[in-house]
Amino acid sequence: MAGSSRAARAAADKALAGALEGVDRAALSEELFSIGSTIESSIGLRRAFADPSREGSAKRDLAERLFGGKVSEAANTVIGEVVAQRWSSEGDLSDAFEALAVRALLASAEKAGRIDEVENQLFRFERIVAADTGLRDALSTRNSDLEGKAGVVRQLLAGKAAPETQRLAEQAVLVPRGRRLDRVLETYLKLAADRREELTALVTVAVALDERQESRLRSALRSIYGKPVTLQTVLDPSVVGGIRVLIGDEVVDGTVVRRLDAVRRDLAG
């Protein structure tokens, strides 16, 4: 993401943070998803709102004409701030609306005290799909049967997951915007971790870690990265008793591994 879009994204996030107070956060999320979809589906609107040569006030006025009176005051405020920014590309603008909608829904889950649950369920959903070729194909971008895909998600998650989890899973399969499902879910999981101001570590092991081992690993990673770390564990017999830790794009190895040697010896024992 280019510099102008990073600054625009920061302004959009700030606008959302202000809009979340005292509103139905789930309803605001739905409005933002809908607005983002409307803009994404129109080449003319995408170009108009992402045009870096167009004045922010003009873009804000256009948004007011299109959405004013049709959405809540909170949503209208966020829209105006988002479109008034200078975006490097149309894709960055679309990404921003999606991220804002996801953040609003995660804020709703946080208020209900279940954001950790939602993050864990999304991760498990992604792993289930990744492990089942037939299911992965049924939910892929190549499958244009939207109602069929939504039905599969509902069947998998109905009564077994938080409402926010189900909504995000459906959004991921119904509006992938050309991306693979696992990439969409990774984006949502990162937003959840950001909401909790924690890092997420993908831990691959041959045998499940017990509670004491997980606690030691979290403590070691926190000492390295300087903030709390949530573990998402994947069992893979091919690692043969070892452990692989992935945080963002960084694989824990080399000199960092040496700082984890004590923990590794403990896990091996």
C-alpha atoms as a PDB file:
ATOM      1  CA  MET A   1       0.000   0.000   0.000  1.00  0.00           C
ATOM      2  CA  ALA A   2       1.460   3.339  -1.088  1.00  0.00           C
ATOM      3  CA  GLY A   3       2.014   6.194   1.338  1.00  0.00           C
ATOM      4  CA  SER A   4      -1.082   8.162   0.411  1.00  0.00           C
ATOM      5  CA  SER A   5      -3.308   5.131   0.975  1.00  0.00           C
ATOM      6  CA  ARG A   6      -1.660   4.406   4.318  1.00  0.00           C
ATOM      7  CA  ALA A   7      -2.452   7.924   5.483  1.00  0.00           C
ATOM      8  CA  ALA A   8      -5.983   7.609   4.113  1.00  0.00           C
ATOM      9  CA  ARG A   9      -6.455   4.289   5.892  1.00  0.00           C
ATOM     10  CA  ALA A  10      -5.337   5.807   9.186  1.00  0.00           C
ATOM     11  CA  ALA A  11      -7.853   8.649   8.770  1.00  0.00           C
ATOM     12  CA  ALA A  12     -10.607   6.142   7.927  1.00  0.00           C
ATOM     13  CA  ASP A  13      -9.811   4.040  11.000  1.00  0.00           C
ATOM     14  CA  LYS A  14      -9.926   7.139  13.173  1.00  0.00           C
ATOM     15  CA  ALA A  15     -13.328   8.081  11.740  1.00  0.00           C
ATOM     16  CA  LEU A  16     -14.647   4.595  12.485  1.00  0.00           C
ATOM     17  CA  ALA A  17     -13.337   4.681  16.050  1.00  0.00           C
ATOM     18  CA  GLY A  18     -15.292   7.881  16.651  1.00  0.00           C
ATOM     19  CA  ALA A  19     -18.427   6.507  15.019  1.00  0.00           C
ATOM     20  CA  LEU A  20     -18.551   3.312  17.095  1.00  0.00           C
ATOM     21  CA  GLU A  21     -19.503   5.013  20.328  1.00  0.00           C
ATOM     22  CA  GLY A  22     -23.164   4.727  21.234  1.00  0.00           C
ATOM     23  CA  VAL A  23     -24.314   2.958  18.048  1.00  0.00           C
ATOM     24  CA  ASP A  24     -25.365  -0.546  17.036  1.00  0.00           C
ATOM     25  CA  ARG A  25     -21.984  -1.727  15.820  1.00  0.00           C
ATOM     26  CA  ALA A  26     -23.316  -4.764  13.951  1.00  0.00           C
ATOM     27  CA  ALA A  27     -25.799  -2.559  12.088  1.00  0.00           C
ATOM     28  CA  LEU A  28     -23.038  -0.086  11.218  1.00  0.00           C
ATOM     29  CA  SER A  29     -20.967  -2.984   9.903  1.00  0.00           C
ATOM     30  CA  GLU A  30     -23.795  -4.054   7.593  1.00  0.00           C
ATOM     31  CA  GLU A  31     -24.127  -0.518   6.282  1.00  0.00           C
ATOM     32  CA  LEU A  32     -20.409  -0.339   5.547  1.00  0.00           C
ATOM     33  CA  PHE A  33     -20.433  -3.728   3.825  1.00  0.00           C
ATOM     34  CA  SER A  34     -23.356  -2.548   1.682  1.00  0.00           C
ATOM     35  CA  ILE A  35     -21.738   0.781   0.825  1.00  0.00           C
ATOM     36  CA  GLY A  36     -18.479  -0.905  -0.066  1.00  0.00           C
ATOM     37  CA  SER A  37     -20.342  -3.363  -2.300  1.00  0.00           C
ATOM     38  CA  THR A  38     -22.204  -0.537  -4.041  1.00  0.00           C
ATOM     39  CA  ILE A  39     -18.980   1.311  -4.813  1.00  0.00           C
ATOM     40  CA  GLU A  40     -17.114  -1.861  -5.782  1.00  0.00           C
ATOM     41  CA  SER A  41     -19.840  -2.841  -8.277  1.00  0.00           C
ATOM     42  CA  SER A  42     -19.666   0.497 -10.129  1.00  0.00           C
ATOM     43  CA  ILE A  43     -16.593   1.346 -12.190  1.00  0.00           C
ATOM     44  CA  GLY A  44     -17.729   4.967 -12.325  1.00  0.00           C
ATOM     45  CA  LEU A  45     -18.045   5.305  -8.554  1.00  0.00           C
ATOM     46  CA  ARG A  46     -14.741   3.580  -7.880  1.00  0.00           C
ATOM     47  CA  ARG A  47     -12.965   5.925 -10.235  1.00  0.00           C
ATOM     48  CA  ALA A  48     -14.737   9.002  -8.912  1.00  0.00           C
ATOM     49  CA  PHE A  49     -13.964   8.286  -5.257  1.00  0.00           C
ATOM     50  CA  ALA A  50     -10.405   7.058  -5.828  1.00  0.00           C
ATOM     51  CA  ASP A  51      -9.428   9.838  -8.250  1.00  0.00           C
ATOM     52  CA  PRO A  52      -6.418  11.537  -6.581  1.00  0.00           C
ATOM     53  CA  SER A  53      -6.900  14.682  -8.694  1.00  0.00           C
ATOM     54  CA  ARG A  54     -10.414  15.269  -7.397  1.00  0.00           C
ATOM     55  CA  GLU A  55     -10.917  17.491  -4.355  1.00  0.00           C
ATOM     56  CA  GLY A  56     -11.897  15.727  -1.165  1.00  0.00           C
ATOM     57  CA  SER A  57     -14.827  18.085  -0.664  1.00  0.00           C
ATOM     58  CA  ALA A  58     -16.208  17.189  -4.090  1.00  0.00           C
ATOM     59  CA  LYS A  59     -15.973  13.493  -3.334  1.00  0.00           C
ATOM     60  CA  ARG A  60     -17.607  14.030   0.052  1.00  0.00           C
ATOM     61  CA  ASP A  61     -20.475  15.918  -1.614  1.00  0.00           C
ATOM     62  CA  LEU A  62     -20.952  13.088  -4.114  1.00  0.00           C
ATOM     63  CA  ALA A  63     -21.168  10.568  -1.276  1.00  0.00           C
ATOM     64  CA  GLU A  64     -23.717  12.753   0.489  1.00  0.00           C
ATOM     65  CA  ARG A  65     -25.883  12.881  -2.637  1.00  0.00           C
ATOM     66  CA  LEU A  66     -25.699   9.121  -3.051  1.00  0.00           C
ATOM     67  CA  PHE A  67     -26.041   7.920   0.521  1.00  0.00           C
ATOM     68  CA  GLY A  68     -27.336  10.855   2.579  1.00  0.00           C
ATOM     69  CA  GLY A  69     -30.656  10.006   4.224  1.00  0.00           C
ATOM     70  CA  LYS A  70     -30.290   6.337   3.271  1.00  0.00           C
ATOM     71  CA  VAL A  71     -27.822   5.325   5.967  1.00  0.00           C
ATOM     72  CA  SER A  72     -27.307   6.165   9.618  1.00  0.00           C
ATOM     73  CA  GLU A  73     -25.555   9.333  10.714  1.00  0.00           C
ATOM     74  CA  ALA A  74     -22.596   7.255  11.916  1.00  0.00           C
ATOM     75  CA  ALA A  75     -22.243   5.499   8.560  1.00  0.00           C
ATOM     76  CA  ASN A  76     -22.626   8.778   6.685  1.00  0.00           C
ATOM     77  CA  THR A  77     -19.820  10.322   8.731  1.00  0.00           C
ATOM     78  CA  VAL A  78     -17.498   7.410   8.037  1.00  0.00           C
ATOM     79  CA  ILE A  79     -18.299   7.391   4.310  1.00  0.00           C
ATOM     80  CA  GLY A  80     -17.582  11.083   3.983  1.00  0.00           C
ATOM     81  CA  GLU A  81     -14.228  10.757   5.699  1.00  0.00           C
ATOM     82  CA  VAL A  82     -13.194   7.707   3.684  1.00  0.00           C
ATOM     83  CA  VAL A  83     -13.997   9.064   0.234  1.00  0.00           C
ATOM     84  CA  ALA A  84     -12.497  12.478   1.006  1.00  0.00           C
ATOM     85  CA  GLN A  85      -9.051  10.910   1.417  1.00  0.00           C
ATOM     86  CA  ARG A  86      -6.418  10.543  -1.288  1.00  0.00           C
ATOM     87  CA  TRP A  87      -6.198   6.873  -2.288  1.00  0.00           C
ATOM     88  CA  SER A  88      -3.403   5.389  -4.367  1.00  0.00           C
ATOM     89  CA  SER A  89      -5.718   2.963  -6.154  1.00  0.00           C
ATOM     90  CA  GLU A  90      -9.330   1.887  -6.476  1.00  0.00           C
ATOM     91  CA  GLY A  91      -8.385  -1.428  -4.866  1.00  0.00           C
ATOM     92  CA  ASP A  92      -7.101   0.331  -1.748  1.00  0.00           C
ATOM     93  CA  LEU A  93     -10.421   2.156  -1.413  1.00  0.00           C
ATOM     94  CA  SER A  94     -12.365  -1.116  -1.700  1.00  0.00           C
ATOM     95  CA  ASP A  95     -10.048  -2.768   0.825  1.00  0.00           C
ATOM     96  CA  ALA A  96     -10.648   0.103   3.224  1.00  0.00           C
ATOM     97  CA  PHE A  97     -14.439  -0.205   3.172  1.00  0.00           C
ATOM     98  CA  GLU A  98     -14.209  -3.958   3.701  1.00  0.00           C
ATOM     99  CA  ALA A  99     -11.768  -3.549   6.586  1.00  0.00           C
ATOM    100  CA  LEU A 100     -13.938  -0.892   8.233  1.00  0.00           C
ATOM    101  CA  ALA A 101     -17.005  -3.136   8.040  1.00  0.00           C
ATOM    102  CA  VAL A 102     -15.055  -6.059   9.504  1.00  0.00           C
ATOM    103  CA  ARG A 103     -13.638  -3.844  12.251  1.00  0.00           C
ATOM    104  CA  ALA A 104     -17.123  -2.626  13.166  1.00  0.00           C
ATOM    105  CA  LEU A 105     -18.383  -6.203  13.427  1.00  0.00           C
ATOM    106  CA  LEU A 106     -15.382  -7.223  15.501  1.00  0.00           C
ATOM    107  CA  ALA A 107     -16.061  -4.237  17.768  1.00  0.00           C
ATOM    108  CA  SER A 108     -19.593  -5.571  18.182  1.00  0.00           C
ATOM    109  CA  ALA A 109     -18.190  -8.981  19.160  1.00  0.00           C
ATOM    110  CA  GLU A 110     -15.779  -7.292  21.556  1.00  0.00           C
ATOM    111  CA  LYS A 111     -18.610  -5.418  23.245  1.00  0.00           C
ATOM    112  CA  ALA A 112     -20.460  -8.726  23.648  1.00  0.00           C
ATOM    113  CA  GLY A 113     -17.346 -10.279  25.195  1.00  0.00           C
ATOM    114  CA  ARG A 114     -16.727 -12.827  22.445  1.00  0.00           C
ATOM    115  CA  ILE A 115     -14.032 -11.409  20.172  1.00  0.00           C
ATOM    116  CA  ASP A 116     -11.553 -14.135  21.226  1.00  0.00           C
ATOM    117  CA  GLU A 117     -14.198 -16.739  20.428  1.00  0.00           C
ATOM    118  CA  VAL A 118     -14.833 -15.211  17.008  1.00  0.00           C
ATOM    119  CA  GLU A 119     -11.141 -15.148  16.147  1.00  0.00           C
ATOM    120  CA  ASN A 120     -10.674 -18.759  17.183  1.00  0.00           C
ATOM    121  CA  GLN A 121     -13.764 -19.905  15.260  1.00  0.00           C
ATOM    122  CA  LEU A 122     -12.663 -18.106  12.100  1.00  0.00           C
ATOM    123  CA  PHE A 123      -9.280 -19.782  12.330  1.00  0.00           C
ATOM    124  CA  ARG A 124     -10.869 -23.216  12.805  1.00  0.00           C
ATOM    125  CA  PHE A 125     -13.213 -22.584   9.886  1.00  0.00           C
ATOM    126  CA  GLU A 126     -10.253 -21.736   7.655  1.00  0.00           C
ATOM    127  CA  ARG A 127      -8.420 -24.910   8.722  1.00  0.00           C
ATOM    128  CA  ILE A 128     -11.493 -27.098   8.096  1.00  0.00           C
ATOM    129  CA  VAL A 129     -11.860 -25.676   4.594  1.00  0.00           C
ATOM    130  CA  ALA A 130      -8.141 -26.013   3.871  1.00  0.00           C
ATOM    131  CA  ALA A 131      -8.176 -29.694   4.866  1.00  0.00           C
ATOM    132  CA  ASP A 132     -11.160 -30.667   2.699  1.00  0.00           C
ATOM    133  CA  THR A 133     -10.628 -30.413  -1.062  1.00  0.00           C
ATOM    134  CA  GLY A 134     -14.310 -30.842  -1.875  1.00  0.00           C
ATOM    135  CA  LEU A 135     -15.341 -28.179   0.604  1.00  0.00           C
ATOM    136  CA  ARG A 136     -12.603 -25.843  -0.606  1.00  0.00           C
ATOM    137  CA  ASP A 137     -13.798 -26.214  -4.192  1.00  0.00           C
ATOM    138  CA  ALA A 138     -17.422 -25.645  -3.164  1.00  0.00           C
ATOM    139  CA  LEU A 139     -16.475 -22.347  -1.527  1.00  0.00           C
ATOM    140  CA  SER A 140     -13.905 -21.178  -4.078  1.00  0.00           C
ATOM    141  CA  THR A 141     -14.130 -18.079  -6.246  1.00  0.00           C
ATOM    142  CA  ARG A 142     -14.652 -20.322  -9.278  1.00  0.00           C
ATOM    143  CA  ASN A 143     -18.007 -21.462  -7.917  1.00  0.00           C
ATOM    144  CA  SER A 144     -20.567 -18.825  -8.936  1.00  0.00           C
ATOM    145  CA  ASP A 145     -23.445 -20.424  -7.015  1.00  0.00           C
ATOM    146  CA  LEU A 146     -23.630 -17.785  -4.302  1.00  0.00           C
ATOM    147  CA  GLU A 147     -26.695 -19.158  -2.554  1.00  0.00           C
ATOM    148  CA  GLY A 148     -25.119 -22.605  -2.568  1.00  0.00           C
ATOM    149  CA  LYS A 149     -21.946 -21.271  -0.967  1.00  0.00           C
ATOM    150  CA  ALA A 150     -23.918 -19.365   1.658  1.00  0.00           C
ATOM    151  CA  GLY A 151     -25.877 -22.528   2.412  1.00  0.00           C
ATOM    152  CA  VAL A 152     -22.684 -24.514   2.939  1.00  0.00           C
ATOM    153  CA  VAL A 153     -21.385 -21.915   5.396  1.00  0.00           C
ATOM    154  CA  ARG A 154     -24.669 -21.851   7.297  1.00  0.00           C
ATOM    155  CA  GLN A 155     -24.720 -25.639   7.482  1.00  0.00           C
ATOM    156  CA  LEU A 156     -21.176 -25.699   8.838  1.00  0.00           C
ATOM    157  CA  LEU A 157     -21.563 -22.926  11.391  1.00  0.00           C
ATOM    158  CA  ALA A 158     -25.235 -22.603  12.349  1.00  0.00           C
ATOM    159  CA  GLY A 159     -25.598 -23.196  16.073  1.00  0.00           C
ATOM    160  CA  LYS A 160     -21.865 -23.856  16.378  1.00  0.00           C
ATOM    161  CA  ALA A 161     -20.389 -20.376  16.047  1.00  0.00           C
ATOM    162  CA  ALA A 162     -20.980 -16.803  17.154  1.00  0.00           C
ATOM    163  CA  PRO A 163     -23.168 -14.693  14.846  1.00  0.00           C
ATOM    164  CA  GLU A 164     -20.184 -12.502  13.984  1.00  0.00           C
ATOM    165  CA  THR A 165     -18.186 -15.572  12.916  1.00  0.00           C
ATOM    166  CA  GLN A 166     -20.958 -16.763  10.636  1.00  0.00           C
ATOM    167  CA  ARG A 167     -21.403 -13.310   9.106  1.00  0.00           C
ATOM    168  CA  LEU A 168     -17.698 -12.925   8.393  1.00  0.00           C
ATOM    169  CA  ALA A 169     -17.445 -16.423   6.938  1.00  0.00           C
ATOM    170  CA  GLU A 170     -20.378 -15.726   4.625  1.00  0.00           C
ATOM    171  CA  GLN A 171     -18.865 -12.401   3.590  1.00  0.00           C
ATOM    172  CA  ALA A 172     -15.578 -14.115   2.816  1.00  0.00           C
ATOM    173  CA  VAL A 173     -17.142 -16.684   0.480  1.00  0.00           C
ATOM    174  CA  LEU A 174     -19.767 -14.439  -1.106  1.00  0.00           C
ATOM    175  CA  VAL A 175     -17.640 -11.342  -1.749  1.00  0.00           C
ATOM    176  CA  PRO A 176     -14.043 -12.579  -2.166  1.00  0.00           C
ATOM    177  CA  ARG A 177     -13.208  -9.804  -4.668  1.00  0.00           C
ATOM    178  CA  GLY A 178     -11.011 -12.155  -6.663  1.00  0.00           C
ATOM    179  CA  ARG A 179      -9.041 -13.435  -3.683  1.00  0.00           C
ATOM    180  CA  ARG A 180      -8.688 -16.980  -2.394  1.00  0.00           C
ATOM    181  CA  LEU A 181     -10.806 -17.771   0.649  1.00  0.00           C
ATOM    182  CA  ASP A 182      -7.808 -18.455   2.864  1.00  0.00           C
ATOM    183  CA  ARG A 183      -6.361 -15.029   2.025  1.00  0.00           C
ATOM    184  CA  VAL A 184      -9.634 -13.300   2.880  1.00  0.00           C
ATOM    185  CA  LEU A 185      -9.875 -15.116   6.203  1.00  0.00           C
ATOM    186  CA  GLU A 186      -6.230 -14.313   6.979  1.00  0.00           C
ATOM    187  CA  THR A 187      -7.065 -10.641   6.483  1.00  0.00           C
ATOM    188  CA  TYR A 188     -10.043 -10.896   8.829  1.00  0.00           C
ATOM    189  CA  LEU A 189      -7.961 -12.714  11.443  1.00  0.00           C
ATOM    190  CA  LYS A 190      -5.297 -10.022  11.320  1.00  0.00           C
ATOM    191  CA  LEU A 191      -7.958  -7.369  11.846  1.00  0.00           C
ATOM    192  CA  ALA A 192      -9.205  -9.320  14.867  1.00  0.00           C
ATOM    193  CA  ALA A 193      -5.698  -9.496  16.314  1.00  0.00           C
ATOM    194  CA  ASP A 194      -5.246  -5.773  15.681  1.00  0.00           C
ATOM    195  CA  ARG A 195      -8.524  -5.087  17.489  1.00  0.00           C
ATOM    196  CA  ARG A 196      -7.187  -6.908  20.533  1.00  0.00           C
ATOM    197  CA  GLU A 197      -3.789  -5.207  20.108  1.00  0.00           C
ATOM    198  CA  GLU A 198      -2.128  -8.606  20.073  1.00  0.00           C
ATOM    199  CA  LEU A 199       0.018 -10.557  17.653  1.00  0.00           C
ATOM    200  CA  THR A 200      -1.135 -13.924  16.372  1.00  0.00           C
ATOM    201  CA  ALA A 201       1.334 -16.798  16.018  1.00  0.00           C
ATOM    202  CA  LEU A 202       0.597 -19.766  13.781  1.00  0.00           C
ATOM    203  CA  VAL A 203       2.239 -22.661  15.616  1.00  0.00           C
ATOM    204  CA  THR A 204       2.783 -25.925  13.752  1.00  0.00           C
ATOM    205  CA  VAL A 205       3.585 -28.961  15.911  1.00  0.00           C
ATOM    206  CA  ALA A 206       3.412 -32.740  15.618  1.00  0.00           C
ATOM    207  CA  VAL A 207       1.638 -33.199  18.955  1.00  0.00           C
ATOM    208  CA  ALA A 208      -0.734 -30.770  20.665  1.00  0.00           C
ATOM    209  CA  LEU A 209       0.876 -28.576  23.298  1.00  0.00           C
ATOM    210  CA  ASP A 210      -0.435 -28.779  26.822  1.00  0.00           C
ATOM    211  CA  GLU A 211      -1.474 -25.715  28.818  1.00  0.00           C
ATOM    212  CA  ARG A 212       1.923 -25.308  30.501  1.00  0.00           C
ATOM    213  CA  GLN A 213       3.788 -25.515  27.199  1.00  0.00           C
ATOM    214  CA  GLU A 214       1.486 -22.984  25.543  1.00  0.00           C
ATOM    215  CA  SER A 215       1.976 -20.615  28.475  1.00  0.00           C
ATOM    216  CA  ARG A 216       5.775 -20.869  28.219  1.00  0.00           C
ATOM    217  CA  LEU A 217       5.702 -20.330  24.458  1.00  0.00           C
ATOM    218  CA  ARG A 218       3.437 -17.278  24.773  1.00  0.00           C
ATOM    219  CA  SER A 219       5.752 -15.846  27.429  1.00  0.00           C
ATOM    220  CA  ALA A 220       8.850 -16.385  25.283  1.00  0.00           C
ATOM    221  CA  LEU A 221       7.237 -14.814  22.220  1.00  0.00           C
ATOM    222  CA  ARG A 222       6.003 -11.865  24.243  1.00  0.00           C
ATOM    223  CA  SER A 223       9.548 -11.231  25.473  1.00  0.00           C
ATOM    224  CA  ILE A 224      10.741 -11.178  21.854  1.00  0.00           C
ATOM    225  CA  TYR A 225       7.973  -9.105  20.260  1.00  0.00           C
ATOM    226  CA  GLY A 226       7.079  -6.867  23.197  1.00  0.00           C
ATOM    227  CA  LYS A 227       3.325  -7.496  23.148  1.00  0.00           C
ATOM    228  CA  PRO A 228       0.872 -10.290  23.941  1.00  0.00           C
ATOM    229  CA  VAL A 229       0.754 -13.162  21.440  1.00  0.00           C
ATOM    230  CA  THR A 230      -2.215 -15.423  20.726  1.00  0.00           C
ATOM    231  CA  LEU A 231      -1.384 -18.961  19.598  1.00  0.00           C
ATOM    232  CA  GLN A 232      -3.237 -20.692  16.779  1.00  0.00           C
ATOM    233  CA  THR A 233      -2.061 -24.288  16.675  1.00  0.00           C
ATOM    234  CA  VAL A 234      -1.945 -26.602  13.660  1.00  0.00           C
ATOM    235  CA  LEU A 235      -1.104 -30.287  14.085  1.00  0.00           C
ATOM    236  CA  ASP A 236       1.213 -31.627  11.401  1.00  0.00           C
ATOM    237  CA  PRO A 237       3.005 -34.969  11.994  1.00  0.00           C
ATOM    238  CA  SER A 238       5.586 -34.092   9.337  1.00  0.00           C
ATOM    239  CA  VAL A 239       7.337 -31.680  11.697  1.00  0.00           C
ATOM    240  CA  VAL A 240       8.442 -34.762  13.698  1.00  0.00           C
ATOM    241  CA  GLY A 241       8.308 -33.353  17.166  1.00  0.00           C
ATOM    242  CA  GLY A 242       9.634 -29.951  16.225  1.00  0.00           C
ATOM    243  CA  ILE A 243       7.860 -26.623  16.273  1.00  0.00           C
ATOM    244  CA  ARG A 244       7.430 -23.932  13.653  1.00  0.00           C
ATOM    245  CA  VAL A 245       6.178 -20.464  14.569  1.00  0.00           C
ATOM    246  CA  LEU A 246       4.939 -17.984  11.987  1.00  0.00           C
ATOM    247  CA  ILE A 247       4.069 -14.418  12.999  1.00  0.00           C
ATOM    248  CA  GLY A 248       2.922 -12.329  10.070  1.00  0.00           C
ATOM    249  CA  ASP A 249       5.454 -13.024   7.319  1.00  0.00           C
ATOM    250  CA  GLU A 250       8.196 -13.878   9.796  1.00  0.00           C
ATOM    251  CA  VAL A 251       9.161 -17.462  10.512  1.00  0.00           C
ATOM    252  CA  VAL A 252      10.775 -17.799  13.915  1.00  0.00           C
ATOM    253  CA  ASP A 253      14.216 -19.187  13.112  1.00  0.00           C
ATOM    254  CA  GLY A 254      17.881 -18.246  13.032  1.00  0.00           C
ATOM    255  CA  THR A 255      18.924 -16.054  15.941  1.00  0.00           C
ATOM    256  CA  VAL A 256      15.376 -15.823  17.220  1.00  0.00           C
ATOM    257  CA  VAL A 257      15.245 -19.596  17.563  1.00  0.00           C
ATOM    258  CA  ARG A 258      18.223 -19.488  19.885  1.00  0.00           C
ATOM    259  CA  ARG A 259      16.217 -17.268  22.186  1.00  0.00           C
ATOM    260  CA  LEU A 260      13.548 -19.977  22.200  1.00  0.00           C
ATOM    261  CA  ASP A 261      15.947 -22.887  22.787  1.00  0.00           C
ATOM    262  CA  ALA A 262      14.992 -23.254  26.413  1.00  0.00           C
ATOM    263  CA  VAL A 263      11.335 -23.400  25.476  1.00  0.00           C
ATOM    264  CA  ARG A 264      12.037 -25.929  22.712  1.00  0.00           C
ATOM    265  CA  ARG A 265      13.929 -28.198  25.101  1.00  0.00           C
ATOM    266  CA  ASP A 266      11.000 -28.014  27.471  1.00  0.00           C
ATOM    267  CA  LEU A 267       8.536 -28.869  24.681  1.00  0.00           C
ATOM    268  CA  ALA A 268      10.681 -31.786  23.552  1.00  0.00           C
ATOM    269  CA  GLY A 269      10.746 -33.111  27.076  1.00  0.00           C
END
